[in-house]
Full PDB file with SEQRES, HELIX, SHEET, SSBOND, CRYST1, ORIGX, SCALE, CONECT and MASTER records, all heavy atoms in Angstrom:
SEQRES   1 A   32  VAL THR LEU LEU THR TYR LYS THR GLY THR ALA LEU SER          
SEQRES   2 A   32  PRO TRP ALA ALA THR ASP MET GLY LYS THR SER ALA ASP          
SEQRES   3 A   32  GLY LYS THR TYR THR PHE                                      
SHEET    1 AA1 2 LEU A   4  TYR A   6  0                                        
SHEET    2 AA1 2 LEU A  12  PRO A  14 -1                                        
SHEET    1 AA2 2 LYS A  22  THR A  23  0                                        
SHEET    2 AA2 2 TYR A  30  THR A  31 -1                                        
CRYST1    1.000    1.000    1.000  90.00  90.00  90.00 P 1           1          
ORIGX1      1.000000  0.000000  0.000000        0.00000                         
ORIGX2      0.000000  1.000000  0.000000        0.00000                         
ORIGX3      0.000000  0.000000  1.000000        0.00000                         
SCALE1      1.000000  0.000000  0.000000        0.00000                         
SCALE2      0.000000  1.000000  0.000000        0.00000                         
SCALE3      0.000000  0.000000  1.000000        0.00000                         
ATOM      1  N   VAL A   1     -24.896 -16.839  -6.556  1.00  0.00           N  
ATOM      2  CA  VAL A   1     -23.918 -15.770  -6.403  1.00  0.00           C  
ATOM      3  C   VAL A   1     -23.881 -14.922  -7.677  1.00  0.00           C  
ATOM      4  O   VAL A   1     -23.925 -15.439  -8.787  1.00  0.00           O  
ATOM      5  CB  VAL A   1     -22.520 -16.359  -6.110  1.00  0.00           C  
ATOM      6  CG1 VAL A   1     -21.442 -15.303  -6.226  1.00  0.00           C  
ATOM      7  CG2 VAL A   1     -22.495 -16.984  -4.717  1.00  0.00           C  
ATOM      8  N   THR A   2     -23.791 -13.610  -7.488  1.00  0.00           N  
ATOM      9  CA  THR A   2     -23.639 -12.666  -8.596  1.00  0.00           C  
ATOM     10  C   THR A   2     -22.266 -11.995  -8.494  1.00  0.00           C  
ATOM     11  O   THR A   2     -21.589 -12.091  -7.466  1.00  0.00           O  
ATOM     12  CB  THR A   2     -24.732 -11.591  -8.542  1.00  0.00           C  
ATOM     13  OG1 THR A   2     -24.808 -11.071  -7.202  1.00  0.00           O  
ATOM     14  CG2 THR A   2     -26.089 -12.180  -8.905  1.00  0.00           C  
ATOM     15  N   LEU A   3     -21.851 -11.311  -9.542  1.00  0.00           N  
ATOM     16  CA  LEU A   3     -20.557 -10.637  -9.509  1.00  0.00           C  
ATOM     17  C   LEU A   3     -20.515  -9.575  -8.419  1.00  0.00           C  
ATOM     18  O   LEU A   3     -19.548  -9.463  -7.664  1.00  0.00           O  
ATOM     19  CB  LEU A   3     -20.268  -9.991 -10.868  1.00  0.00           C  
ATOM     20  CG  LEU A   3     -19.957 -10.959 -12.012  1.00  0.00           C  
ATOM     21  CD1 LEU A   3     -19.975 -10.224 -13.347  1.00  0.00           C  
ATOM     22  CD2 LEU A   3     -18.598 -11.628 -11.793  1.00  0.00           C  
ATOM     23  N   LEU A   4     -21.601  -8.787  -8.343  1.00  0.00           N  
ATOM     24  CA  LEU A   4     -21.721  -7.732  -7.345  1.00  0.00           C  
ATOM     25  C   LEU A   4     -22.961  -7.994  -6.507  1.00  0.00           C  
ATOM     26  O   LEU A   4     -23.804  -8.812  -6.874  1.00  0.00           O  
ATOM     27  CB  LEU A   4     -21.822  -6.360  -8.029  1.00  0.00           C  
ATOM     28  CG  LEU A   4     -20.715  -6.002  -9.024  1.00  0.00           C  
ATOM     29  CD1 LEU A   4     -21.005  -4.650  -9.667  1.00  0.00           C  
ATOM     30  CD2 LEU A   4     -19.349  -5.981  -8.340  1.00  0.00           C  
ATOM     31  N   THR A   5     -23.080  -7.289  -5.387  1.00  0.00           N  
ATOM     32  CA  THR A   5     -24.267  -7.483  -4.553  1.00  0.00           C  
ATOM     33  C   THR A   5     -24.510  -6.255  -3.694  1.00  0.00           C  
ATOM     34  O   THR A   5     -23.727  -5.296  -3.695  1.00  0.00           O  
ATOM     35  CB  THR A   5     -24.116  -8.724  -3.653  1.00  0.00           C  
ATOM     36  OG1 THR A   5     -25.384  -9.034  -3.058  1.00  0.00           O  
ATOM     37  CG2 THR A   5     -23.078  -8.507  -2.561  1.00  0.00           C  
ATOM     38  N   TYR A   6     -25.632  -6.280  -2.970  1.00  0.00           N  
ATOM     39  CA  TYR A   6     -25.937  -5.279  -1.953  1.00  0.00           C  
ATOM     40  C   TYR A   6     -25.847  -5.973  -0.596  1.00  0.00           C  
ATOM     41  O   TYR A   6     -26.617  -6.886  -0.316  1.00  0.00           O  
ATOM     42  CB  TYR A   6     -27.360  -4.730  -2.134  1.00  0.00           C  
ATOM     43  CG  TYR A   6     -27.619  -4.110  -3.485  1.00  0.00           C  
ATOM     44  CD1 TYR A   6     -28.329  -4.805  -4.464  1.00  0.00           C  
ATOM     45  CD2 TYR A   6     -27.173  -2.825  -3.781  1.00  0.00           C  
ATOM     46  CE1 TYR A   6     -28.579  -4.233  -5.703  1.00  0.00           C  
ATOM     47  CE2 TYR A   6     -27.415  -2.249  -5.017  1.00  0.00           C  
ATOM     48  CZ  TYR A   6     -28.124  -2.960  -5.974  1.00  0.00           C  
ATOM     49  OH  TYR A   6     -28.370  -2.400  -7.192  1.00  0.00           O  
ATOM     50  N   LYS A   7     -24.912  -5.555   0.222  1.00  0.00           N  
ATOM     51  CA  LYS A   7     -24.768  -6.166   1.554  1.00  0.00           C  
ATOM     52  C   LYS A   7     -25.665  -5.447   2.552  1.00  0.00           C  
ATOM     53  O   LYS A   7     -26.639  -5.992   3.042  1.00  0.00           O  
ATOM     54  CB  LYS A   7     -23.307  -6.148   1.994  1.00  0.00           C  
ATOM     55  CG  LYS A   7     -22.434  -7.116   1.201  1.00  0.00           C  
ATOM     56  CD  LYS A   7     -21.012  -7.142   1.731  1.00  0.00           C  
ATOM     57  CE  LYS A   7     -20.164  -8.152   0.972  1.00  0.00           C  
ATOM     58  NZ  LYS A   7     -18.753  -8.176   1.443  1.00  0.00           N  
ATOM     59  N   THR A   8     -25.328  -4.231   2.872  1.00  0.00           N  
ATOM     60  CA  THR A   8     -26.188  -3.417   3.732  1.00  0.00           C  
ATOM     61  C   THR A   8     -26.609  -2.195   2.927  1.00  0.00           C  
ATOM     62  O   THR A   8     -25.779  -1.555   2.286  1.00  0.00           O  
ATOM     63  CB  THR A   8     -25.444  -2.973   4.999  1.00  0.00           C  
ATOM     64  OG1 THR A   8     -24.257  -2.257   4.629  1.00  0.00           O  
ATOM     65  CG2 THR A   8     -25.059  -4.163   5.851  1.00  0.00           C  
ATOM     66  N   GLY A   9     -27.888  -1.887   2.956  1.00  0.00           N  
ATOM     67  CA  GLY A   9     -28.355  -0.760   2.166  1.00  0.00           C  
ATOM     68  C   GLY A   9     -28.268  -1.038   0.676  1.00  0.00           C  
ATOM     69  O   GLY A   9     -28.320  -2.188   0.239  1.00  0.00           O  
ATOM     70  N   THR A  10     -28.103   0.027  -0.093  1.00  0.00           N  
ATOM     71  CA  THR A  10     -28.104  -0.125  -1.554  1.00  0.00           C  
ATOM     72  C   THR A  10     -26.767   0.270  -2.176  1.00  0.00           C  
ATOM     73  O   THR A  10     -26.701   0.608  -3.353  1.00  0.00           O  
ATOM     74  CB  THR A  10     -29.227   0.724  -2.176  1.00  0.00           C  
ATOM     75  OG1 THR A  10     -29.099   2.089  -1.726  1.00  0.00           O  
ATOM     76  CG2 THR A  10     -30.588   0.190  -1.770  1.00  0.00           C  
ATOM     77  N   ALA A  11     -25.697   0.217  -1.376  1.00  0.00           N  
ATOM     78  CA  ALA A  11     -24.357   0.439  -1.916  1.00  0.00           C  
ATOM     79  C   ALA A  11     -23.831  -0.880  -2.487  1.00  0.00           C  
ATOM     80  O   ALA A  11     -23.923  -1.924  -1.848  1.00  0.00           O  
ATOM     81  CB  ALA A  11     -23.424   0.951  -0.829  1.00  0.00           C  
ATOM     82  N   LEU A  12     -23.307  -0.835  -3.703  1.00  0.00           N  
ATOM     83  CA  LEU A  12     -22.800  -2.037  -4.352  1.00  0.00           C  
ATOM     84  C   LEU A  12     -21.482  -2.497  -3.731  1.00  0.00           C  
ATOM     85  O   LEU A  12     -20.648  -1.684  -3.343  1.00  0.00           O  
ATOM     86  CB  LEU A  12     -22.597  -1.779  -5.845  1.00  0.00           C  
ATOM     87  CG  LEU A  12     -23.872  -1.684  -6.684  1.00  0.00           C  
ATOM     88  CD1 LEU A  12     -23.565  -1.111  -8.058  1.00  0.00           C  
ATOM     89  CD2 LEU A  12     -24.518  -3.053  -6.821  1.00  0.00           C  
ATOM     90  N   SER A  13     -21.319  -3.829  -3.665  1.00  0.00           N  
ATOM     91  CA  SER A  13     -20.086  -4.437  -3.165  1.00  0.00           C  
ATOM     92  C   SER A  13     -19.732  -5.615  -4.057  1.00  0.00           C  
ATOM     93  O   SER A  13     -20.620  -6.245  -4.645  1.00  0.00           O  
ATOM     94  CB  SER A  13     -20.263  -4.945  -1.731  1.00  0.00           C  
ATOM     95  OG  SER A  13     -20.654  -3.920  -0.858  1.00  0.00           O  
ATOM     96  N   PRO A  14     -18.457  -5.971  -4.175  1.00  0.00           N  
ATOM     97  CA  PRO A  14     -18.096  -7.168  -4.942  1.00  0.00           C  
ATOM     98  C   PRO A  14     -18.531  -8.429  -4.217  1.00  0.00           C  
ATOM     99  O   PRO A  14     -18.558  -8.465  -2.979  1.00  0.00           O  
ATOM    100  CB  PRO A  14     -16.570  -7.077  -5.046  1.00  0.00           C  
ATOM    101  CG  PRO A  14     -16.151  -6.215  -3.904  1.00  0.00           C  
ATOM    102  CD  PRO A  14     -17.274  -5.257  -3.673  1.00  0.00           C  
ATOM    103  N   TRP A  15     -18.875  -9.461  -4.965  1.00  0.00           N  
ATOM    104  CA  TRP A  15     -19.260 -10.747  -4.374  1.00  0.00           C  
ATOM    105  C   TRP A  15     -18.436 -11.846  -5.040  1.00  0.00           C  
ATOM    106  O   TRP A  15     -17.383 -12.213  -4.542  1.00  0.00           O  
ATOM    107  CB  TRP A  15     -20.756 -10.982  -4.515  1.00  0.00           C  
ATOM    108  CG  TRP A  15     -21.302 -12.053  -3.605  1.00  0.00           C  
ATOM    109  CD1 TRP A  15     -20.627 -12.730  -2.633  1.00  0.00           C  
ATOM    110  CD2 TRP A  15     -22.643 -12.552  -3.573  1.00  0.00           C  
ATOM    111  NE1 TRP A  15     -21.454 -13.614  -1.988  1.00  0.00           N  
ATOM    112  CE2 TRP A  15     -22.700 -13.524  -2.547  1.00  0.00           C  
ATOM    113  CE3 TRP A  15     -23.799 -12.275  -4.296  1.00  0.00           C  
ATOM    114  CZ2 TRP A  15     -23.873 -14.238  -2.246  1.00  0.00           C  
ATOM    115  CZ3 TRP A  15     -24.970 -12.959  -3.996  1.00  0.00           C  
ATOM    116  CH2 TRP A  15     -25.000 -13.936  -2.975  1.00  0.00           C  
ATOM    117  N   ALA A  16     -18.860 -12.319  -6.188  1.00  0.00           N  
ATOM    118  CA  ALA A  16     -18.012 -13.284  -6.899  1.00  0.00           C  
ATOM    119  C   ALA A  16     -16.821 -12.588  -7.537  1.00  0.00           C  
ATOM    120  O   ALA A  16     -15.782 -13.203  -7.790  1.00  0.00           O  
ATOM    121  CB  ALA A  16     -18.827 -14.014  -7.965  1.00  0.00           C  
ATOM    122  N   ALA A  17     -16.964 -11.297  -7.812  1.00  0.00           N  
ATOM    123  CA  ALA A  17     -15.857 -10.519  -8.377  1.00  0.00           C  
ATOM    124  C   ALA A  17     -14.857 -10.179  -7.274  1.00  0.00           C  
ATOM    125  O   ALA A  17     -15.217 -10.037  -6.103  1.00  0.00           O  
ATOM    126  CB  ALA A  17     -16.386  -9.245  -9.019  1.00  0.00           C  
ATOM    127  N   THR A  18     -13.606 -10.056  -7.646  1.00  0.00           N  
ATOM    128  CA  THR A  18     -12.567  -9.733  -6.664  1.00  0.00           C  
ATOM    129  C   THR A  18     -12.647  -8.280  -6.217  1.00  0.00           C  
ATOM    130  O   THR A  18     -12.188  -7.929  -5.136  1.00  0.00           O  
ATOM    131  CB  THR A  18     -11.167 -10.001  -7.241  1.00  0.00           C  
ATOM    132  OG1 THR A  18     -11.006  -9.216  -8.441  1.00  0.00           O  
ATOM    133  CG2 THR A  18     -10.989 -11.472  -7.579  1.00  0.00           C  
ATOM    134  N   ASP A  19     -13.200  -7.415  -7.090  1.00  0.00           N  
ATOM    135  CA  ASP A  19     -13.361  -6.002  -6.762  1.00  0.00           C  
ATOM    136  C   ASP A  19     -14.502  -5.441  -7.604  1.00  0.00           C  
ATOM    137  O   ASP A  19     -15.255  -6.212  -8.214  1.00  0.00           O  
ATOM    138  CB  ASP A  19     -12.052  -5.226  -6.997  1.00  0.00           C  
ATOM    139  CG  ASP A  19     -11.489  -5.434  -8.406  1.00  0.00           C  
ATOM    140  OD1 ASP A  19     -12.293  -5.587  -9.364  1.00  0.00           O  
ATOM    141  OD2 ASP A  19     -10.255  -5.439  -8.566  1.00  0.00           O  
ATOM    142  N   MET A  20     -14.649  -4.140  -7.656  1.00  0.00           N  
ATOM    143  CA  MET A  20     -15.755  -3.522  -8.379  1.00  0.00           C  
ATOM    144  C   MET A  20     -15.523  -3.470  -9.878  1.00  0.00           C  
ATOM    145  O   MET A  20     -16.357  -2.949 -10.622  1.00  0.00           O  
ATOM    146  CB  MET A  20     -16.003  -2.113  -7.839  1.00  0.00           C  
ATOM    147  CG  MET A  20     -16.586  -2.097  -6.426  1.00  0.00           C  
ATOM    148  SD  MET A  20     -18.219  -2.918  -6.348  1.00  0.00           S  
ATOM    149  CE  MET A  20     -19.192  -1.820  -7.364  1.00  0.00           C  
ATOM    150  N   GLY A  21     -14.413  -4.023 -10.339  1.00  0.00           N  
ATOM    151  CA  GLY A  21     -14.149  -4.090 -11.759  1.00  0.00           C  
ATOM    152  C   GLY A  21     -13.596  -2.802 -12.336  1.00  0.00           C  
ATOM    153  O   GLY A  21     -13.451  -1.797 -11.639  1.00  0.00           O  
ATOM    154  N   LYS A  22     -13.287  -2.856 -13.627  1.00  0.00           N  
ATOM    155  CA  LYS A  22     -12.741  -1.693 -14.328  1.00  0.00           C  
ATOM    156  C   LYS A  22     -13.739  -1.230 -15.390  1.00  0.00           C  
ATOM    157  O   LYS A  22     -14.276  -2.038 -16.143  1.00  0.00           O  
ATOM    158  CB  LYS A  22     -11.405  -2.052 -14.989  1.00  0.00           C  
ATOM    159  CG  LYS A  22     -10.312  -2.447 -13.996  1.00  0.00           C  
ATOM    160  CD  LYS A  22      -9.029  -2.835 -14.710  1.00  0.00           C  
ATOM    161  CE  LYS A  22      -7.955  -3.249 -13.706  1.00  0.00           C  
ATOM    162  NZ  LYS A  22      -6.710  -3.684 -14.401  1.00  0.00           N  
ATOM    163  N   THR A  23     -13.968   0.071 -15.413  1.00  0.00           N  
ATOM    164  CA  THR A  23     -14.896   0.654 -16.378  1.00  0.00           C  
ATOM    165  C   THR A  23     -14.118   1.548 -17.322  1.00  0.00           C  
ATOM    166  O   THR A  23     -13.285   2.360 -16.884  1.00  0.00           O  
ATOM    167  CB  THR A  23     -15.981   1.492 -15.668  1.00  0.00           C  
ATOM    168  OG1 THR A  23     -16.613   0.690 -14.673  1.00  0.00           O  
ATOM    169  CG2 THR A  23     -17.017   1.992 -16.667  1.00  0.00           C  
ATOM    170  N   SER A  24     -14.360   1.414 -18.612  1.00  0.00           N  
ATOM    171  CA  SER A  24     -13.657   2.225 -19.605  1.00  0.00           C  
ATOM    172  C   SER A  24     -14.076   3.684 -19.503  1.00  0.00           C  
ATOM    173  O   SER A  24     -15.136   4.010 -18.949  1.00  0.00           O  
ATOM    174  CB  SER A  24     -13.943   1.706 -21.016  1.00  0.00           C  
ATOM    175  OG  SER A  24     -15.323   1.816 -21.320  1.00  0.00           O  
ATOM    176  N   ALA A  25     -13.263   4.565 -20.043  1.00  0.00           N  
ATOM    177  CA  ALA A  25     -13.522   6.001 -19.964  1.00  0.00           C  
ATOM    178  C   ALA A  25     -14.835   6.386 -20.635  1.00  0.00           C  
ATOM    179  O   ALA A  25     -15.516   7.325 -20.205  1.00  0.00           O  
ATOM    180  CB  ALA A  25     -12.358   6.772 -20.597  1.00  0.00           C  
ATOM    181  N   ASP A  26     -15.229   5.644 -21.677  1.00  0.00           N  
ATOM    182  CA  ASP A  26     -16.469   5.975 -22.386  1.00  0.00           C  
ATOM    183  C   ASP A  26     -17.700   5.324 -21.756  1.00  0.00           C  
ATOM    184  O   ASP A  26     -18.826   5.497 -22.231  1.00  0.00           O  
ATOM    185  CB  ASP A  26     -16.381   5.601 -23.872  1.00  0.00           C  
ATOM    186  CG  ASP A  26     -16.193   4.101 -24.099  1.00  0.00           C  
ATOM    187  OD1 ASP A  26     -16.195   3.325 -23.120  1.00  0.00           O  
ATOM    188  OD2 ASP A  26     -16.042   3.710 -25.278  1.00  0.00           O  
ATOM    189  N   GLY A  27     -17.491   4.569 -20.659  1.00  0.00           N  
ATOM    190  CA  GLY A  27     -18.613   3.969 -19.945  1.00  0.00           C  
ATOM    191  C   GLY A  27     -19.281   2.824 -20.672  1.00  0.00           C  
ATOM    192  O   GLY A  27     -20.402   2.440 -20.306  1.00  0.00           O  
ATOM    193  N   LYS A  28     -18.592   2.228 -21.623  1.00  0.00           N  
ATOM    194  CA  LYS A  28     -19.221   1.165 -22.414  1.00  0.00           C  
ATOM    195  C   LYS A  28     -18.573  -0.201 -22.248  1.00  0.00           C  
ATOM    196  O   LYS A  28     -19.065  -1.194 -22.791  1.00  0.00           O  
ATOM    197  CB  LYS A  28     -19.229   1.553 -23.898  1.00  0.00           C  
ATOM    198  CG  LYS A  28     -20.106   2.764 -24.205  1.00  0.00           C  
ATOM    199  CD  LYS A  28     -20.376   2.931 -25.693  1.00  0.00           C  
ATOM    200  CE  LYS A  28     -19.149   3.319 -26.457  1.00  0.00           C  
ATOM    201  NZ  LYS A  28     -19.467   3.599 -27.889  1.00  0.00           N  
ATOM    202  N   THR A  29     -17.480  -0.278 -21.492  1.00  0.00           N  
ATOM    203  CA  THR A  29     -16.797  -1.561 -21.299  1.00  0.00           C  
ATOM    204  C   THR A  29     -16.529  -1.790 -19.808  1.00  0.00           C  
ATOM    205  O   THR A  29     -15.979  -0.918 -19.130  1.00  0.00           O  
ATOM    206  CB  THR A  29     -15.469  -1.613 -22.077  1.00  0.00           C  
ATOM    207  OG1 THR A  29     -15.724  -1.397 -23.471  1.00  0.00           O  
ATOM    208  CG2 THR A  29     -14.809  -2.978 -21.910  1.00  0.00           C  
ATOM    209  N   TYR A  30     -16.924  -2.967 -19.326  1.00  0.00           N  
ATOM    210  CA  TYR A  30     -16.744  -3.331 -17.927  1.00  0.00           C  
ATOM    211  C   TYR A  30     -15.988  -4.659 -17.870  1.00  0.00           C  
ATOM    212  O   TYR A  30     -16.374  -5.618 -18.541  1.00  0.00           O  
ATOM    213  CB  TYR A  30     -18.088  -3.500 -17.219  1.00  0.00           C  
ATOM    214  CG  TYR A  30     -18.912  -2.229 -17.137  1.00  0.00           C  
ATOM    215  CD1 TYR A  30     -19.681  -1.811 -18.222  1.00  0.00           C  
ATOM    216  CD2 TYR A  30     -18.918  -1.463 -15.983  1.00  0.00           C  
ATOM    217  CE1 TYR A  30     -20.453  -0.646 -18.151  1.00  0.00           C  
ATOM    218  CE2 TYR A  30     -19.676  -0.302 -15.893  1.00  0.00           C  
ATOM    219  CZ  TYR A  30     -20.438   0.096 -16.994  1.00  0.00           C  
ATOM    220  OH  TYR A  30     -21.192   1.239 -16.915  1.00  0.00           O  
ATOM    221  N   THR A  31     -14.939  -4.709 -17.053  1.00  0.00           N  
ATOM    222  CA  THR A  31     -14.118  -5.908 -16.955  1.00  0.00           C  
ATOM    223  C   THR A  31     -14.014  -6.349 -15.494  1.00  0.00           C  
ATOM    224  O   THR A  31     -13.732  -5.533 -14.613  1.00  0.00           O  
ATOM    225  CB  THR A  31     -12.702  -5.655 -17.510  1.00  0.00           C  
ATOM    226  OG1 THR A  31     -12.805  -5.130 -18.838  1.00  0.00           O  
ATOM    227  CG2 THR A  31     -11.904  -6.951 -17.554  1.00  0.00           C  
ATOM    228  N   PHE A  32     -14.249  -7.654 -15.258  1.00  0.00           N  
ATOM    229  CA  PHE A  32     -14.230  -8.191 -13.902  1.00  0.00           C  
ATOM    230  C   PHE A  32     -13.348  -9.429 -13.812  1.00  0.00           C  
ATOM    231  O   PHE A  32     -13.351 -10.270 -14.720  1.00  0.00           O  
ATOM    232  CB  PHE A  32     -15.636  -8.588 -13.446  1.00  0.00           C  
ATOM    233  CG  PHE A  32     -16.580  -7.438 -13.309  1.00  0.00           C  
ATOM    234  CD1 PHE A  32     -17.368  -7.050 -14.383  1.00  0.00           C  
ATOM    235  CD2 PHE A  32     -16.676  -6.741 -12.117  1.00  0.00           C  
ATOM    236  CE1 PHE A  32     -18.250  -5.986 -14.268  1.00  0.00           C  
ATOM    237  CE2 PHE A  32     -17.555  -5.676 -11.989  1.00  0.00           C  
ATOM    238  CZ  PHE A  32     -18.340  -5.291 -13.066  1.00  0.00           C  
TER     239      PHE A  32                                                      
MASTER        0    0    0    0    4    0    0    6  238    1    0    3          
END                                                                             
C-alpha cells in the first residue's frame, strides 16, 4: 500500500492516506 494511488486512469486518489494531503503555499511541504 502507498499513500496515494491510481485507481482508474491516471488521476491520483488517496489510499493509505485519509485524503490528498495538505500542500504548503510554496509547494515544498506535504503533510498526510
